[in-house]
Structures are given as structure tokens and as C-alpha cells.
Protein backbone atom coordinates (compact mmCIF):
# COMPACT_ATOMS: atom_id res chain seq x y z
CA UNK A 1 -19.07 77.13 35.19
CA UNK A 2 -19.20 76.78 31.38
CA UNK A 3 -17.11 78.49 28.73
CA UNK A 4 -18.41 80.45 25.73
CA UNK A 5 -18.71 77.30 23.58
CA UNK A 6 -20.37 75.08 26.12
CA UNK A 7 -17.12 73.57 27.50
CA UNK A 8 -16.32 73.54 31.15
CA UNK A 9 -13.96 76.36 32.17
CA UNK A 10 -11.80 73.78 33.99
CA UNK A 11 -11.43 71.74 30.78
CA UNK A 12 -10.40 74.87 28.83
CA UNK A 13 -7.85 75.78 31.50
CA UNK A 14 -6.39 72.24 31.41
CA UNK A 15 -6.09 72.38 27.61
CA UNK A 16 -4.17 75.67 27.86
CA UNK A 17 -1.83 74.17 30.45
CA UNK A 18 -1.13 71.12 28.26
CA UNK A 19 -0.45 73.28 25.18
CA UNK A 20 1.94 75.51 27.14
CA UNK A 21 3.77 72.54 28.69
CA UNK A 22 4.29 70.84 25.30
CA UNK A 23 5.00 73.95 23.22
CA UNK A 24 8.77 73.68 23.53
CA UNK A 25 9.01 69.88 23.22
CA UNK A 26 10.26 68.74 19.80
CA UNK A 27 8.01 66.33 17.91
CA UNK A 28 9.38 63.02 16.72
CA UNK A 29 9.27 62.67 12.95
CA UNK A 30 9.48 58.88 12.67
CA UNK A 31 7.03 56.23 13.80
CA UNK A 32 9.85 54.35 15.54
CA UNK A 33 12.37 56.86 16.95
CA UNK A 34 15.80 55.54 17.81
CA UNK A 35 16.59 54.55 21.39
CA UNK A 36 17.39 57.62 23.48
CA UNK A 37 16.01 59.98 20.79
CA UNK A 38 16.85 63.67 21.29
CA UNK A 39 16.08 65.40 17.99
CA UNK A 40 15.54 64.90 14.26
CA UNK A 41 18.23 66.40 12.03
CA UNK A 42 17.46 68.23 8.73
CA UNK A 43 16.07 66.15 5.87
CA UNK A 44 18.50 64.85 3.21
CA UNK A 45 17.32 67.23 0.48
CA UNK A 46 18.15 70.28 2.61
CA UNK A 47 21.75 71.54 2.26
CA UNK A 48 23.37 73.31 5.24
CA UNK A 49 22.44 76.97 5.50
CA UNK A 50 25.95 78.09 6.49
CA UNK A 51 29.39 77.11 5.10
CA UNK A 52 30.87 74.13 6.92
CA UNK A 53 34.04 74.37 8.99
CA UNK A 54 36.79 71.73 9.04
CA UNK A 55 35.92 70.14 12.36
CA UNK A 56 35.90 66.50 13.33
CA UNK A 57 37.28 63.80 11.09
CA UNK A 58 38.54 64.46 7.61
CA UNK A 59 36.63 62.47 4.92
CA UNK A 60 38.34 59.25 3.89
CA UNK A 61 37.89 60.21 0.24
CA UNK A 62 35.98 62.69 -1.91
CA UNK A 63 35.64 63.43 -5.62
CA UNK A 64 32.75 64.44 -7.87
CA UNK A 65 31.29 60.90 -7.76
CA UNK A 66 31.37 59.82 -4.13
CA UNK A 67 32.19 60.89 -0.59
CA UNK A 68 33.43 58.41 1.99
CA UNK A 69 33.14 59.24 5.68
CA UNK A 70 34.71 57.23 8.46
CA UNK A 71 32.25 55.48 10.71
CA UNK A 72 34.94 53.98 12.94
CA UNK A 73 33.85 53.47 16.51
CA UNK A 74 37.43 54.29 17.45
CA UNK A 75 37.24 52.01 20.47
CA UNK A 76 39.98 52.36 23.06
CA UNK A 77 41.01 48.82 22.31
CA UNK A 78 44.12 49.06 24.49
CA UNK A 79 42.01 49.77 27.58
CA UNK A 80 39.67 46.92 26.66
CA UNK A 81 42.63 44.56 26.37
CA UNK A 82 43.95 45.70 29.77
CA UNK A 83 40.58 44.94 31.37
CA UNK A 84 40.50 41.56 29.59
CA UNK A 85 43.99 40.74 30.90
CA UNK A 86 43.03 41.82 34.41
CA UNK A 87 39.86 39.72 34.33
CA UNK A 88 41.72 36.68 33.04
CA UNK A 89 44.38 37.14 35.74
CA UNK A 90 41.65 37.10 38.38
CA UNK A 91 40.34 33.84 36.92
CA UNK A 92 43.81 32.24 37.00
CA UNK A 93 44.44 33.44 40.56
CA UNK A 94 41.07 32.10 41.69
CA UNK A 95 41.73 28.67 40.23
CA UNK A 96 45.28 28.52 41.65
CA UNK A 97 44.38 29.58 45.19
CA UNK A 98 41.08 27.82 45.72
CA UNK A 99 41.50 24.71 43.59
CA UNK A 100 45.23 23.94 43.90
CA UNK A 101 46.71 25.66 46.97
CA UNK A 102 43.75 25.06 49.31
CA UNK A 103 42.22 22.19 47.39
CA UNK A 104 39.84 19.85 49.16
CA UNK A 105 40.56 21.42 52.56
CA UNK A 106 38.66 24.58 51.58
CA UNK A 107 35.62 22.76 50.18
CA UNK A 108 35.32 19.67 52.35
CA UNK A 109 33.00 21.31 54.84
CA UNK A 110 31.72 24.14 52.60
CA UNK A 111 30.37 22.81 49.28
CA UNK A 112 28.57 26.12 48.68
CA UNK A 113 31.97 27.87 48.60
CA UNK A 114 33.17 25.37 45.99
CA UNK A 115 30.16 26.06 43.78
CA UNK A 116 30.53 29.84 44.20
CA UNK A 117 34.24 29.91 43.34
CA UNK A 118 33.66 27.64 40.35
CA UNK A 119 31.09 30.11 39.01
CA UNK A 120 33.49 33.00 39.66
CA UNK A 121 36.26 31.26 37.71
CA UNK A 122 33.98 30.43 34.78
CA UNK A 123 32.45 33.91 34.76
CA UNK A 124 35.78 35.73 34.73
CA UNK A 125 37.11 33.53 31.91
CA UNK A 126 34.01 34.13 29.80
CA UNK A 127 34.15 37.84 30.64
CA UNK A 128 37.75 38.13 29.46
CA UNK A 129 36.86 36.31 26.22
CA UNK A 130 33.97 38.71 25.65
CA UNK A 131 36.25 41.72 26.20
CA UNK A 132 38.82 40.39 23.73
CA UNK A 133 36.05 39.99 21.16
CA UNK A 134 34.86 43.54 21.87
CA UNK A 135 38.34 44.83 21.09
CA UNK A 136 39.11 42.74 18.02
CA UNK A 137 35.84 41.86 16.26
CA UNK A 138 34.86 45.32 14.90
CA UNK A 139 36.70 46.19 11.66
CA UNK A 140 39.33 48.94 11.62
CA UNK A 141 36.78 51.30 10.12
CA UNK A 142 33.07 51.23 9.25
CA UNK A 143 32.94 53.64 6.29
CA UNK A 144 29.85 55.10 4.70
CA UNK A 145 29.95 56.06 1.00
CA UNK A 146 27.62 58.68 -0.47
CA UNK A 147 27.42 58.30 -4.25
CA UNK A 148 26.10 61.58 -5.65
CA UNK A 149 25.72 60.32 -9.22
CA UNK A 150 23.61 57.32 -8.24
CA UNK A 151 21.78 58.89 -5.28
CA UNK A 152 22.81 55.89 -3.19
CA UNK A 153 24.46 55.38 0.19
CA UNK A 154 26.68 52.35 0.85
CA UNK A 155 27.19 51.33 4.47
CA UNK A 156 29.96 49.02 5.69
CA UNK A 157 27.86 47.78 8.58
CA UNK A 158 29.13 45.63 11.45
CA UNK A 159 26.98 43.47 13.75
CA UNK A 160 28.60 42.28 16.96
CA UNK A 161 26.74 38.99 17.29
CA UNK A 162 26.89 36.81 20.39
CA UNK A 163 29.03 38.18 23.25
CA UNK A 164 31.20 35.06 23.51
CA UNK A 165 30.95 33.11 20.25
CA UNK A 166 30.14 36.01 17.95
CA UNK A 167 27.43 33.91 16.30
CA UNK A 168 25.31 35.99 13.95
CA UNK A 169 27.89 38.76 13.80
CA UNK A 170 30.14 40.07 11.06
CA UNK A 171 30.15 42.72 8.36
CA UNK A 172 26.95 43.12 6.34
CA UNK A 173 27.40 45.86 3.70
CA UNK A 174 24.14 47.52 2.68
CA UNK A 175 22.94 50.04 0.10
CA UNK A 176 20.11 52.56 0.53
CA UNK A 177 18.49 55.39 -1.42
CA UNK A 178 19.73 58.78 -0.19
CA UNK A 179 16.23 60.29 -0.23
CA UNK A 180 14.95 57.55 2.12
CA UNK A 181 17.34 58.44 4.98
CA UNK A 182 16.44 60.34 8.15
CA UNK A 183 19.02 61.25 10.80
CA UNK A 184 18.37 61.40 14.56
CA UNK A 185 20.53 62.41 17.51
CA UNK A 186 20.44 60.28 20.66
CA UNK A 187 21.88 59.98 24.15
CA UNK A 188 22.06 56.71 26.06
CA UNK A 189 23.59 55.04 29.07
CA UNK A 190 25.88 52.21 28.00
CA UNK A 191 28.06 49.73 29.94
CA UNK A 192 31.84 50.20 29.92
CA UNK A 193 34.35 47.30 29.81
CA UNK A 194 34.57 47.51 33.61
CA UNK A 195 30.80 47.20 33.94
CA UNK A 196 30.33 50.77 35.17
CA UNK A 197 27.57 52.61 33.25
CA UNK A 198 28.76 55.45 31.06
CA UNK A 199 26.99 58.20 29.12
CA UNK A 200 27.06 57.95 25.32
CA UNK A 201 25.67 60.04 22.48
CA UNK A 202 25.63 59.96 18.70
CA UNK A 203 23.67 60.02 15.46
CA UNK A 204 21.66 57.18 13.95
CA UNK A 205 20.31 57.15 10.40
CA UNK A 206 16.92 55.57 9.82
CA UNK A 207 15.81 54.16 6.49
CA UNK A 208 12.13 54.81 5.78
CA UNK A 209 9.71 53.34 3.28
CA UNK A 210 9.52 55.73 0.28
CA UNK A 211 7.13 58.61 0.87
CA UNK A 212 6.47 57.71 4.51
CA UNK A 213 7.94 58.07 8.00
CA UNK A 214 7.82 54.31 8.60
CA UNK A 215 11.24 52.99 9.65
CA UNK A 216 12.34 49.80 7.90
CA UNK A 217 16.04 49.81 8.84
CA UNK A 218 18.60 51.84 10.77
CA UNK A 219 22.38 52.20 11.08
CA UNK A 220 24.72 54.22 13.25
CA UNK A 221 26.50 57.12 11.58
CA UNK A 222 28.57 58.20 14.59
CA UNK A 223 28.97 57.54 18.29
CA UNK A 224 30.47 59.59 21.10
CA UNK A 225 33.89 59.57 19.45
CA UNK A 226 32.79 61.62 16.40
CA UNK A 227 30.72 64.69 15.55
CA UNK A 228 27.72 62.97 14.01
CA UNK A 229 25.76 66.15 13.34
CA UNK A 230 28.70 67.58 11.38
CA UNK A 231 29.04 64.31 9.42
CA UNK A 232 25.35 64.46 8.46
CA UNK A 233 25.78 68.11 7.44
CA UNK A 234 28.76 67.17 5.23
CA UNK A 235 26.73 64.41 3.58
CA UNK A 236 23.87 66.84 2.88
CA UNK A 237 26.26 69.47 1.54
CA UNK A 238 27.94 66.97 -0.77
CA UNK A 239 24.80 65.25 -2.05
CA UNK A 240 22.97 68.54 -2.72
CA UNK A 241 25.77 70.93 -3.75
CA UNK A 242 28.79 68.82 -4.67
CA UNK A 243 32.35 68.41 -3.43
CA UNK A 244 33.06 72.15 -3.55
CA UNK A 245 30.61 72.66 -0.65
CA UNK A 246 32.74 70.58 1.72
CA UNK A 247 35.24 72.19 4.11
CA UNK A 248 38.94 72.05 3.25
CA UNK A 249 40.91 70.10 5.85
CA UNK A 250 44.53 71.10 6.50
CA UNK A 251 45.59 67.47 7.03
CA UNK A 252 45.25 64.32 4.89
CA UNK A 253 42.73 61.56 5.64
CA UNK A 254 43.75 58.64 7.80
CA UNK A 255 44.48 55.26 6.22
CA UNK A 256 42.45 53.18 8.63
CA UNK A 257 43.55 49.84 7.18
CA UNK A 258 47.29 50.48 7.44
CA UNK A 259 47.93 53.28 9.97
CA UNK A 260 47.97 51.09 13.07
CA UNK A 261 49.73 52.25 16.27
CA UNK A 262 52.37 49.85 17.51
CA UNK A 263 50.89 49.67 21.01
CA UNK A 264 47.33 48.90 19.91
CA UNK A 265 46.98 45.09 19.78
CA UNK A 266 43.22 45.27 19.33
CA UNK A 267 43.44 47.36 16.16
CA UNK A 268 46.22 45.15 14.81
CA UNK A 269 44.06 42.07 15.29
CA UNK A 270 40.92 43.73 13.92
CA UNK A 271 39.95 42.82 10.33
CA UNK A 272 40.69 45.31 7.55
CA UNK A 273 37.91 46.95 5.55
CA UNK A 274 37.21 44.89 2.45
CA UNK A 275 34.11 45.80 0.45
CA UNK A 276 32.48 43.14 -1.74
CA UNK A 277 34.00 43.57 -5.20
CA UNK A 278 30.72 44.41 -6.96
CA UNK A 279 29.56 46.88 -4.33
CA UNK A 280 33.01 48.45 -4.15
CA UNK A 281 32.98 49.16 -7.90
CA UNK A 282 29.39 50.37 -7.95
CA UNK A 283 29.85 52.70 -4.97
CA UNK A 284 32.89 54.40 -6.57
CA UNK A 285 31.51 54.90 -10.08
CA UNK A 286 28.75 56.76 -11.90
CA UNK A 287 25.88 54.92 -13.65
């Protein structure tokens, strides 16, 4: 049977089904959506439609020139250190029991057991080193500065590098044009320090080539520990309307470099935020 325009009725019915099934699915704006993409947030030139409430983290700093938001991952470094200590203790116990207490008696007739326990000892030692790096390598904060006068965004960006040696890691501050940013929400499954998968969510900011939706770079604005959508809304409010459009927080901002809890060895060992001198001056001043 053919439709009124010469198409098969079955083809027309299938097209209707496809349109109905995809009608409520959001379209991805960028050519390379972030991993675990959920939705695109409003474009940078669009200020929030409603007044913002003082939820989430208070800005690190704000005046009529620049806004600084905290991008700290706020890792539970104490828990990470506890897992690292536990893992290292397992390694020490393994070496003591199987290589000193039992010694050659345990491996004389079972060389496979010797190889297996050697791998266990090495693996647990390397695992504990990796956990210590996870807790101490990230800086105390990873701030993002939005300079309204220059139309620029300065990102104190951290790369983890190799899991054991940290090769290729460190802080790599970057600067982008505000109008070239696009924010996306995501949800992912990530490993925990114990190895058990855990659910994570957050907001990434993509950098696109001017006038296109082609992604050339990307950085994380917030993870599960912060309200990334609210942070993006504050940035849009500030860059489009000024400091007066930001919510008034009833408490002062946190001094991430110096307010370190006594019982948080990871944060105490973590490096302080130290912008390059030239970028620091540029990001805090008008042209």
C-alpha cells in the first residue's frame, strides 16, 4: 500500500514512530560531547532568567573586574590516606609472613605460590603509592577566574599524570575567551580508592573554535562535590550583568591555601595555589 506522495505506508509509519521516540531526547550541541554527557547548559552570553540564591560554595573573590570560583575537587584525602595505609600494611604483612616467617618452606614445593605472593606484595606497594599521590598531588584548590573587563577566563588546571610516578602531571594554567566556552553536565561511573565503582556527576566546560561547535579543549568546572550548574549560572550572571547580579552569601569565602584542618594530612601535603606572576596580574586587572 502506498501513501499520498508515493511512499510506502509502512515507511511513513516508521518515520512517525522515530520522530515520536526522539522528540523528548535533547540534542547535543557540540561535535565532541563530554564523556557521560547529559545536557548542554545555557550559552555564555545568556544571563540567568531568575535571581540567583546563595547555594553551594561562596566565590573565592569578586569585584567589578574579576570573579574567582573554587574548582577544588575537595577530595576526602583522609579516607584516601587510610586506604593507602591499609594497603601498605597488607604489603608488609604479606612480605613478613610469606618471605620471612615461612620462608623457603612455603615455596620449596610450590614455586607458583612464590610468584603469586611476590606479585601481591609488589601490587599492594604500588597501589599504596598511587593512593598517596591521589591524596597529595592535586593542589589545595583549582580556581577559575572570570575577568569581565577582558572577556577572558583563567583556569588553574591540574593534570594527574602517571598513577605512580606522576610523569606528565602538574598544574598547567590556561586562558580562554569567555565567548568560546560551552558548558555540559555529565554523569559517569568512576573507581573509588577501594576499587569499588561509584557514581559521579559534574559540569565540564568545552572550548570551541570561534564561531563553531568544534571542541578544541575542555576543563572540569565542578565534580560531584559542588553544584556545577549553579557555578556556571554565577559566571554567566557576573560576565553579563556584573557583580551586583551575584547572590549575597552570609559567610566569608574559604582561604583554601591556609585553612587546613589539623587531621587532614593529604591537604597539608598538597601544594598551595600559586599562579604564574604574569597571568596572576593579568587575570586580576583591567586592560
